[in-house]
Amino acid sequence: MENQTLAGTLVLVQPDLDTDREAKRGQIGVLTYARSETENYVKFPEGGEAFYPAGQVMMLKDKQEIFNDLTSNGSSMPLDDFKAMYKIMLLQDRGTSQALYSALAIANDHPGLQEKVLDSISPAQKQELAKSYSR
């Protein structure tokens, strides 16, 4: 399945979930197994693992997409959102897991930015993660 390439990706459990059996909403974890639209396993740094539908597991958009959004819409954004989005893009440029974790934390702290910088994972989605994890 194509989605196996997403395993190991840092993800954010959707912060505004109505029901969350594991009480992990808004937490950052590692996608360990992306099985289907309804079953995606996320392991959390403080321990525990939970599964969520693909629409409830968010990952960062491609940094070029964020850059394009900043250049075309940046002047109409509130300054705090612009700064946060710019920081996210710079952190993605670093490519380290700690930088990506920080970028997800910034996205979590700025609900108005989430749709601009986050995408839900999807089995049909193809991601080039080699760029983000190359050393």
Protein backbone atom coordinates (compact mmCIF):
# COMPACT_ATOMS: atom_id res chain seq x y z
CA MET A 1 0.00 0.00 0.00
CA GLU A 2 1.32 3.46 -0.93
CA ASN A 3 0.64 4.86 2.51
CA GLN A 4 3.37 2.77 4.10
CA THR A 5 5.80 5.50 3.01
CA LEU A 6 4.16 7.71 5.65
CA ALA A 7 5.28 5.44 8.49
CA GLY A 8 7.69 7.31 10.72
CA THR A 9 6.18 10.71 9.91
CA LEU A 10 5.62 13.13 12.76
CA VAL A 11 1.90 13.90 12.96
CA LEU A 12 -0.52 15.92 15.05
CA VAL A 13 -3.77 14.43 16.28
CA GLN A 14 -6.49 16.86 15.24
CA PRO A 15 -6.79 19.38 18.10
CA ASP A 16 -10.54 19.92 17.82
CA LEU A 17 -11.78 16.33 17.96
CA ASP A 18 -15.21 15.92 19.56
CA THR A 19 -14.53 12.41 20.76
CA ASP A 20 -11.08 11.03 21.50
CA ARG A 21 -11.03 7.71 23.31
CA GLU A 22 -7.34 8.03 24.14
CA ALA A 23 -7.44 11.73 25.17
CA LYS A 24 -4.57 12.51 22.79
CA ARG A 25 -6.16 15.35 20.82
CA GLY A 26 -3.66 18.09 19.99
CA GLN A 27 -0.69 15.85 20.76
CA ILE A 28 2.22 15.13 18.46
CA GLY A 29 3.23 11.57 17.74
CA VAL A 30 4.81 9.32 15.16
CA LEU A 31 2.69 7.55 12.57
CA THR A 32 3.72 3.93 13.02
CA TYR A 33 1.29 2.20 10.68
CA ALA A 34 -0.98 3.79 8.10
CA ARG A 35 -3.41 1.04 7.25
CA SER A 36 -6.54 2.62 5.76
CA GLU A 37 -8.90 5.58 5.82
CA THR A 38 -10.18 4.39 9.19
CA GLU A 39 -7.17 2.84 10.90
CA ASN A 40 -3.87 4.71 11.35
CA TYR A 41 -1.68 4.02 14.36
CA VAL A 42 0.13 6.86 16.16
CA LYS A 43 2.72 6.32 18.91
CA PHE A 44 3.25 9.14 21.40
CA PRO A 45 6.58 10.18 22.97
CA GLU A 46 5.23 10.06 26.52
CA GLY A 47 3.98 6.54 25.89
CA GLY A 48 0.94 4.90 24.46
CA GLU A 49 -0.36 4.25 21.00
CA ALA A 50 -3.79 4.96 19.52
CA PHE A 51 -5.46 4.58 16.15
CA TYR A 52 -7.42 7.24 14.30
CA PRO A 53 -9.17 7.74 10.97
CA ALA A 54 -6.95 9.42 8.36
CA GLY A 55 -8.93 12.66 8.61
CA GLN A 56 -8.00 13.06 12.28
CA VAL A 57 -4.24 12.67 11.80
CA MET A 58 -2.58 15.82 10.48
CA MET A 59 0.84 16.27 8.89
CA LEU A 60 2.68 19.34 7.67
CA LYS A 61 2.08 20.43 4.10
CA ASP A 62 5.03 20.60 1.76
CA LYS A 63 7.26 23.59 2.60
CA GLN A 64 7.02 24.88 -0.98
CA GLU A 65 3.23 24.97 -0.68
CA ILE A 66 3.55 26.94 2.57
CA PHE A 67 6.07 29.29 0.96
CA ASN A 68 3.77 29.90 -2.01
CA ASP A 69 0.88 30.68 0.36
CA LEU A 70 3.07 33.10 2.33
CA THR A 71 4.21 34.97 -0.76
CA SER A 72 0.76 35.26 -2.30
CA ASN A 73 -1.35 35.84 0.85
CA GLY A 74 1.15 37.04 3.46
CA SER A 75 0.27 40.72 3.21
CA SER A 76 -3.35 40.05 4.13
CA MET A 77 -2.53 37.85 7.17
CA PRO A 78 -2.37 38.99 10.77
CA LEU A 79 1.30 39.57 11.68
CA ASP A 80 1.36 36.80 14.32
CA ASP A 81 0.03 34.25 11.83
CA PHE A 82 2.57 35.36 9.22
CA LYS A 83 5.43 35.00 11.71
CA ALA A 84 4.25 31.57 12.86
CA MET A 85 3.84 30.34 9.29
CA TYR A 86 7.29 31.67 8.39
CA LYS A 87 8.82 29.89 11.42
CA ILE A 88 7.10 26.65 10.38
CA MET A 89 8.57 26.96 6.89
CA LEU A 90 12.08 27.64 8.28
CA LEU A 91 11.83 24.69 10.66
CA GLN A 92 10.77 22.44 7.77
CA ASP A 93 13.85 23.63 5.91
CA ARG A 94 16.05 22.24 8.69
CA GLY A 95 14.51 18.83 8.14
CA THR A 96 15.42 17.37 11.54
CA SER A 97 12.83 15.51 13.57
CA GLN A 98 13.20 18.06 16.40
CA ALA A 99 12.58 20.93 13.97
CA LEU A 100 9.53 19.19 12.49
CA TYR A 101 8.22 18.51 16.00
CA SER A 102 8.60 22.23 16.80
CA ALA A 103 6.81 23.15 13.55
CA LEU A 104 3.87 20.91 14.48
CA ALA A 105 3.80 22.45 17.97
CA ILE A 106 3.60 25.95 16.45
CA ALA A 107 0.78 24.80 14.15
CA ASN A 108 -1.03 23.37 17.17
CA ASP A 109 -0.70 26.69 19.02
CA HIS A 110 -2.14 28.71 16.10
CA PRO A 111 -5.59 27.31 15.21
CA GLY A 112 -6.08 29.96 12.50
CA LEU A 113 -3.08 28.60 10.61
CA GLN A 114 -3.88 24.92 10.77
CA GLU A 115 -5.70 24.68 7.46
CA LYS A 116 -2.85 26.60 5.78
CA VAL A 117 0.00 24.43 7.09
CA LEU A 118 -1.57 21.03 7.88
CA ASP A 119 -3.10 18.30 5.73
CA SER A 120 -4.75 15.12 6.89
CA ILE A 121 -2.98 11.95 5.87
CA SER A 122 -4.72 9.93 3.22
CA PRO A 123 -3.97 6.55 1.64
CA ALA A 124 -4.16 8.14 -1.81
CA GLN A 125 -1.59 10.77 -0.86
CA LYS A 126 1.96 10.42 -2.15
CA GLN A 127 4.60 12.15 -0.07
CA GLU A 128 8.28 12.53 -0.79
CA LEU A 129 9.53 12.06 2.74
CA ALA A 130 13.07 11.37 1.60
CA LYS A 131 13.59 15.14 1.30
CA SER A 132 12.48 15.79 4.88
CA TYR A 133 14.57 13.02 6.39
CA SER A 134 17.70 13.20 4.26
CA ARG A 135 20.87 14.06 6.15
